[in-house]
Each structure stands twice: as C-alpha cells, then as structure tokens.
C-alpha cells in the first residue's frame, strides 16, 4: 500500500472505507513504537523491501532523533537473519548465507 509520502510499503496499512481514516505502520506497531505520517518520508523500509525480499530477514525498527536533525524523528533499521542466526550489516543486500548464489554466476565471453 502507498504511504502518505507516496512510496509502496508492505508494512503500511490504511483503511479509508466509508469515511474511515485509519493509517498505521504495522512494523512500528509490532515493536511498540508510535507512528506518525512524517516518519514515512525518510523511512528506509520501502527501499529495503524493494531491494531484498528474503523470507528469513527480520527487520527491527526504532524511532530516533539524531543530533544532526534535532527536530525531525527518523526510523532506524536493524536486520537479523533467522537462517544464518546473525545480524545483517546491509539489509538491502542481505546476509552472505542466503544470497551467496549471486557470487557463483560467471560472465562467459
């Protein structure tokens, strides 16, 4: 579903049926964080979901207020792979165990 910022996100939910106006981020709600529509502008989750659809990767979100942007809250993402039982350094790429097949392809000229 499209977020208020206009990007597709699998974790955003909006119910507009018969005049309802219910919007929420189900991933933030799962982790007990408060959601507001301004968080969708800088949220990295839609980009991660578009780049990597690994079924074993679990995302954990926290809402932080960095020192450089004192007044703007941001979503910080950490990823964990259930298959390899390790942290994922770059969620857009994934862990080495689930996505090791990419390095086995060779270009033959």
N, C-alpha and C. Protein backbone atom coordinates (compact mmCIF):
# COMPACT_ATOMS: atom_id res chain seq x y z
N UNK A 1 0.84 -1.17 0.00
CA UNK A 1 0.00 0.00 0.00
C UNK A 1 0.89 1.24 0.00
N UNK A 2 0.41 2.28 -0.63
CA UNK A 2 1.19 3.52 -0.69
C UNK A 2 1.13 4.27 0.63
N UNK A 3 2.29 4.77 1.06
CA UNK A 3 2.39 5.55 2.28
C UNK A 3 1.95 6.99 2.00
N UNK A 4 1.80 7.81 3.03
CA UNK A 4 1.47 9.22 2.79
C UNK A 4 2.54 9.97 1.99
N UNK A 5 3.77 9.45 1.98
CA UNK A 5 4.82 10.09 1.18
C UNK A 5 4.82 9.60 -0.26
N UNK A 6 3.97 8.62 -0.61
CA UNK A 6 3.81 8.19 -1.99
C UNK A 6 4.61 6.98 -2.40
N UNK A 7 5.29 6.31 -1.45
CA UNK A 7 6.07 5.12 -1.78
C UNK A 7 5.33 3.87 -1.34
N UNK A 8 5.56 2.76 -2.05
CA UNK A 8 4.94 1.48 -1.69
C UNK A 8 5.67 0.88 -0.49
N UNK A 9 4.92 0.45 0.52
CA UNK A 9 5.50 -0.18 1.70
C UNK A 9 4.61 -1.35 2.10
N UNK A 10 5.19 -2.54 2.30
CA UNK A 10 4.38 -3.70 2.68
C UNK A 10 3.87 -3.65 4.12
N UNK A 11 4.41 -2.74 4.92
CA UNK A 11 4.04 -2.70 6.33
C UNK A 11 3.07 -1.56 6.67
N UNK A 12 2.78 -0.70 5.71
CA UNK A 12 1.85 0.40 5.93
C UNK A 12 0.43 -0.08 5.69
N UNK A 13 -0.50 0.36 6.54
CA UNK A 13 -1.91 -0.01 6.40
C UNK A 13 -2.75 1.25 6.47
N UNK A 14 -3.65 1.38 5.53
CA UNK A 14 -4.59 2.50 5.53
C UNK A 14 -5.99 1.99 5.27
N UNK A 15 -6.93 2.39 6.11
CA UNK A 15 -8.33 1.99 5.95
C UNK A 15 -9.14 3.25 5.71
N UNK A 16 -9.64 3.39 4.49
CA UNK A 16 -10.40 4.57 4.10
C UNK A 16 -11.82 4.23 3.69
N UNK A 17 -12.27 3.06 4.04
CA UNK A 17 -13.60 2.58 3.62
C UNK A 17 -14.70 3.37 4.35
N UNK A 18 -15.63 3.90 3.60
CA UNK A 18 -16.80 4.64 4.10
C UNK A 18 -16.44 5.73 5.11
N UNK A 19 -15.48 6.53 4.73
CA UNK A 19 -15.14 7.70 5.54
C UNK A 19 -14.14 7.45 6.65
N UNK A 20 -13.71 6.22 6.82
CA UNK A 20 -12.69 5.97 7.84
C UNK A 20 -11.37 6.58 7.38
N UNK A 21 -10.56 6.94 8.33
CA UNK A 21 -9.24 7.47 8.03
C UNK A 21 -8.25 6.89 9.04
N UNK A 22 -8.01 5.59 8.93
CA UNK A 22 -7.11 4.90 9.84
C UNK A 22 -5.83 4.59 9.08
N UNK A 23 -4.70 5.09 9.57
CA UNK A 23 -3.40 4.83 8.98
C UNK A 23 -2.46 4.38 10.08
N UNK A 24 -1.61 3.36 9.76
CA UNK A 24 -0.64 2.90 10.73
C UNK A 24 0.49 2.15 10.04
N UNK A 25 1.61 2.11 10.69
CA UNK A 25 2.73 1.28 10.25
C UNK A 25 2.71 0.05 11.14
N UNK A 26 2.41 -1.08 10.55
CA UNK A 26 2.28 -2.30 11.35
C UNK A 26 3.61 -2.81 11.88
N UNK A 27 4.71 -2.48 11.22
CA UNK A 27 6.01 -2.90 11.71
C UNK A 27 6.41 -2.08 12.94
N UNK A 28 6.15 -0.79 12.92
CA UNK A 28 6.41 0.04 14.11
C UNK A 28 5.48 -0.35 15.26
N UNK A 29 4.24 -0.65 14.94
CA UNK A 29 3.28 -1.07 15.96
C UNK A 29 3.71 -2.39 16.60
N UNK A 30 4.27 -3.29 15.80
CA UNK A 30 4.75 -4.57 16.30
C UNK A 30 5.87 -4.40 17.31
N UNK A 31 6.70 -3.38 17.11
CA UNK A 31 7.82 -3.13 18.02
C UNK A 31 7.52 -2.08 19.08
N UNK A 32 6.25 -1.70 19.21
CA UNK A 32 5.82 -0.79 20.28
C UNK A 32 6.24 0.65 20.09
N UNK A 33 6.40 1.07 18.86
CA UNK A 33 6.80 2.45 18.57
C UNK A 33 5.59 3.23 18.05
N UNK A 34 5.57 4.51 18.34
CA UNK A 34 4.49 5.37 17.87
C UNK A 34 4.77 5.81 16.43
N UNK A 35 3.73 5.81 15.59
CA UNK A 35 3.86 6.18 14.19
C UNK A 35 3.20 7.52 13.94
N UNK A 36 3.79 8.29 13.05
CA UNK A 36 3.16 9.50 12.50
C UNK A 36 3.55 9.57 11.03
N UNK A 37 2.79 10.27 10.24
CA UNK A 37 2.98 10.27 8.79
C UNK A 37 4.30 10.88 8.36
N UNK A 38 4.90 11.74 9.16
CA UNK A 38 6.18 12.34 8.78
C UNK A 38 7.32 11.33 8.79
N UNK A 39 7.18 10.23 9.48
CA UNK A 39 8.23 9.20 9.51
C UNK A 39 8.36 8.49 8.17
N UNK A 40 7.30 8.45 7.38
CA UNK A 40 7.33 7.74 6.09
C UNK A 40 8.23 8.43 5.07
N UNK A 41 8.47 9.73 5.22
CA UNK A 41 9.30 10.46 4.25
C UNK A 41 10.73 9.96 4.23
N UNK A 42 11.29 9.63 5.39
CA UNK A 42 12.70 9.24 5.47
C UNK A 42 12.89 7.78 5.87
N UNK A 43 11.82 7.01 5.88
CA UNK A 43 11.90 5.61 6.31
C UNK A 43 12.62 4.76 5.25
N UNK A 44 13.61 3.95 5.66
CA UNK A 44 14.33 3.12 4.70
C UNK A 44 13.65 1.78 4.37
N UNK A 45 12.57 1.44 5.05
CA UNK A 45 11.93 0.12 4.87
C UNK A 45 11.38 -0.09 3.46
N UNK A 46 10.72 0.87 2.80
CA UNK A 46 10.27 0.62 1.43
C UNK A 46 11.41 0.32 0.47
N UNK A 47 12.55 0.98 0.63
CA UNK A 47 13.70 0.72 -0.23
C UNK A 47 14.29 -0.66 0.06
N UNK A 48 14.32 -1.06 1.32
CA UNK A 48 14.83 -2.39 1.69
C UNK A 48 13.90 -3.46 1.13
N UNK A 49 12.60 -3.27 1.25
CA UNK A 49 11.64 -4.26 0.75
C UNK A 49 11.71 -4.38 -0.77
N UNK A 50 11.98 -3.29 -1.47
CA UNK A 50 12.09 -3.33 -2.92
C UNK A 50 13.38 -4.03 -3.36
N UNK A 51 14.47 -3.85 -2.60
CA UNK A 51 15.76 -4.42 -2.98
C UNK A 51 15.94 -5.87 -2.54
N UNK A 52 15.34 -6.26 -1.42
CA UNK A 52 15.59 -7.58 -0.86
C UNK A 52 14.30 -8.15 -0.31
N UNK A 53 13.89 -9.30 -0.81
CA UNK A 53 12.66 -9.93 -0.33
C UNK A 53 12.96 -11.26 0.35
N UNK A 54 14.06 -11.34 1.07
CA UNK A 54 14.45 -12.57 1.76
C UNK A 54 13.43 -12.91 2.84
N UNK A 55 12.97 -14.15 2.84
CA UNK A 55 11.95 -14.57 3.80
C UNK A 55 12.52 -14.76 5.20
N UNK A 56 13.83 -14.88 5.33
CA UNK A 56 14.45 -15.13 6.62
C UNK A 56 14.89 -13.85 7.33
N UNK A 57 14.90 -12.72 6.63
CA UNK A 57 15.36 -11.48 7.23
C UNK A 57 14.24 -10.81 8.03
N UNK A 58 14.53 -10.51 9.27
CA UNK A 58 13.59 -9.82 10.15
C UNK A 58 14.10 -8.41 10.42
N UNK A 59 13.24 -7.43 10.25
CA UNK A 59 13.61 -6.03 10.47
C UNK A 59 13.15 -5.60 11.85
N UNK A 60 13.99 -4.85 12.52
CA UNK A 60 13.64 -4.28 13.83
C UNK A 60 13.80 -2.76 13.70
N UNK A 61 12.74 -2.05 14.04
CA UNK A 61 12.71 -0.60 13.88
C UNK A 61 12.70 0.10 15.22
N UNK A 62 13.38 1.22 15.27
CA UNK A 62 13.29 2.14 16.40
C UNK A 62 13.20 3.55 15.85
N UNK A 63 12.47 4.38 16.54
CA UNK A 63 12.34 5.79 16.15
C UNK A 63 13.34 6.57 16.99
N UNK A 64 14.26 7.26 16.31
CA UNK A 64 15.31 8.02 16.98
C UNK A 64 15.26 9.47 16.52
N UNK A 65 15.89 10.30 17.30
CA UNK A 65 16.02 11.71 16.96
C UNK A 65 17.52 12.02 16.93
N UNK A 66 18.14 11.98 15.74
CA UNK A 66 19.59 12.21 15.66
C UNK A 66 19.97 13.63 16.05
N UNK A 67 21.20 13.79 16.46
CA UNK A 67 21.68 15.11 16.91
C UNK A 67 21.73 16.09 15.74
N UNK A 68 22.06 15.59 14.54
CA UNK A 68 22.16 16.49 13.39
C UNK A 68 20.81 17.06 12.98
N UNK A 69 19.74 16.30 13.17
CA UNK A 69 18.40 16.78 12.85
C UNK A 69 17.60 16.79 14.15
N UNK A 70 17.74 17.85 14.91
CA UNK A 70 17.19 17.90 16.27
C UNK A 70 15.68 17.77 16.31
N UNK A 71 14.99 18.29 15.34
CA UNK A 71 13.54 18.34 15.41
C UNK A 71 12.85 17.26 14.59
N UNK A 72 13.59 16.53 13.78
CA UNK A 72 12.97 15.55 12.91
C UNK A 72 13.28 14.14 13.40
N UNK A 73 12.23 13.38 13.66
CA UNK A 73 12.41 11.99 14.06
C UNK A 73 12.65 11.13 12.84
N UNK A 74 13.43 10.07 12.99
CA UNK A 74 13.74 9.17 11.89
C UNK A 74 13.59 7.73 12.34
N UNK A 75 13.40 6.85 11.37
CA UNK A 75 13.30 5.43 11.63
C UNK A 75 14.67 4.81 11.42
N UNK A 76 15.14 4.07 12.41
CA UNK A 76 16.42 3.38 12.31
C UNK A 76 16.14 1.89 12.21
N UNK A 77 16.78 1.21 11.26
CA UNK A 77 16.51 -0.19 10.98
C UNK A 77 17.73 -1.04 11.30
N UNK A 78 17.49 -2.15 12.00
CA UNK A 78 18.49 -3.20 12.16
C UNK A 78 17.87 -4.48 11.64
N UNK A 79 18.68 -5.31 11.00
CA UNK A 79 18.17 -6.53 10.39
C UNK A 79 18.86 -7.75 11.00
N UNK A 80 18.11 -8.86 11.05
CA UNK A 80 18.60 -10.12 11.60
C UNK A 80 18.14 -11.25 10.70
N UNK A 81 19.05 -12.17 10.38
CA UNK A 81 18.71 -13.31 9.54
C UNK A 81 18.45 -14.53 10.42
N UNK A 82 17.26 -15.11 10.28
CA UNK A 82 16.89 -16.28 11.08
C UNK A 82 17.57 -17.54 10.58
N UNK A 83 17.90 -17.60 9.31
CA UNK A 83 18.53 -18.80 8.74
C UNK A 83 19.98 -18.94 9.20
N UNK A 84 20.74 -17.86 9.09
CA UNK A 84 22.15 -17.89 9.50
C UNK A 84 22.34 -17.51 10.96
N UNK A 85 21.28 -17.04 11.62
CA UNK A 85 21.30 -16.65 13.03
C UNK A 85 22.36 -15.58 13.29
N UNK A 86 22.36 -14.54 12.44
CA UNK A 86 23.34 -13.48 12.57
C UNK A 86 22.73 -12.14 12.18
N UNK A 87 23.41 -11.09 12.57
CA UNK A 87 22.98 -9.75 12.19
C UNK A 87 23.34 -9.49 10.73
N UNK A 88 22.54 -8.67 10.09
CA UNK A 88 22.77 -8.32 8.69
C UNK A 88 23.29 -6.90 8.65
N UNK A 89 24.48 -6.73 8.10
CA UNK A 89 25.10 -5.40 8.05
C UNK A 89 24.39 -4.48 7.07
N UNK A 90 24.06 -4.98 5.88
CA UNK A 90 23.37 -4.19 4.86
C UNK A 90 22.07 -4.87 4.49
N UNK A 91 20.94 -4.40 5.02
CA UNK A 91 19.65 -5.06 4.74
C UNK A 91 19.24 -5.04 3.28
N UNK A 92 19.72 -4.06 2.49
CA UNK A 92 19.37 -4.03 1.07
C UNK A 92 19.98 -5.21 0.33
N UNK A 93 21.13 -5.68 0.78
CA UNK A 93 21.83 -6.78 0.12
C UNK A 93 21.47 -8.11 0.77
N UNK A 94 21.44 -8.16 2.09
CA UNK A 94 21.13 -9.39 2.81
C UNK A 94 22.39 -10.01 3.39
N UNK A 95 22.24 -11.19 3.98
CA UNK A 95 23.39 -11.87 4.58
C UNK A 95 24.11 -12.72 3.53
N UNK A 96 25.31 -13.17 3.87
CA UNK A 96 26.10 -13.95 2.91
C UNK A 96 25.54 -15.34 2.69
N UNK A 97 24.88 -15.91 3.68
CA UNK A 97 24.39 -17.29 3.54
C UNK A 97 23.18 -17.38 2.61
N UNK A 98 22.23 -16.49 2.76
CA UNK A 98 21.02 -16.54 1.94
C UNK A 98 21.27 -16.10 0.50
N UNK A 99 22.22 -15.20 0.31
CA UNK A 99 22.44 -14.62 -1.01
C UNK A 99 23.84 -14.89 -1.54
N UNK A 100 24.37 -16.05 -1.21
CA UNK A 100 25.70 -16.39 -1.70
C UNK A 100 25.66 -16.83 -3.15
N UNK A 101 24.50 -17.17 -3.66
CA UNK A 101 24.37 -17.65 -5.02
C UNK A 101 24.75 -16.57 -6.05
N UNK A 102 24.65 -15.32 -5.69
CA UNK A 102 24.97 -14.25 -6.62
C UNK A 102 26.44 -14.28 -7.03
N UNK A 103 27.33 -14.71 -6.14
CA UNK A 103 28.75 -14.72 -6.46
C UNK A 103 29.14 -15.93 -7.31
N UNK A 104 28.26 -16.91 -7.48
CA UNK A 104 28.61 -18.10 -8.26
C UNK A 104 28.39 -17.93 -9.75
N UNK A 105 27.66 -16.91 -10.15
CA UNK A 105 27.44 -16.67 -11.57
C UNK A 105 28.70 -16.08 -12.20
N UNK A 106 29.04 -16.57 -13.37
CA UNK A 106 30.21 -16.07 -14.07
C UNK A 106 29.79 -15.53 -15.43
N UNK A 107 30.50 -14.54 -15.88
CA UNK A 107 30.25 -13.98 -17.20
C UNK A 107 31.20 -14.66 -18.17
N UNK A 108 30.66 -15.33 -19.19
CA UNK A 108 31.47 -16.00 -20.17
C UNK A 108 31.39 -15.23 -21.48
N UNK A 109 32.53 -14.84 -22.00
CA UNK A 109 32.56 -14.06 -23.24
C UNK A 109 33.02 -14.89 -24.40
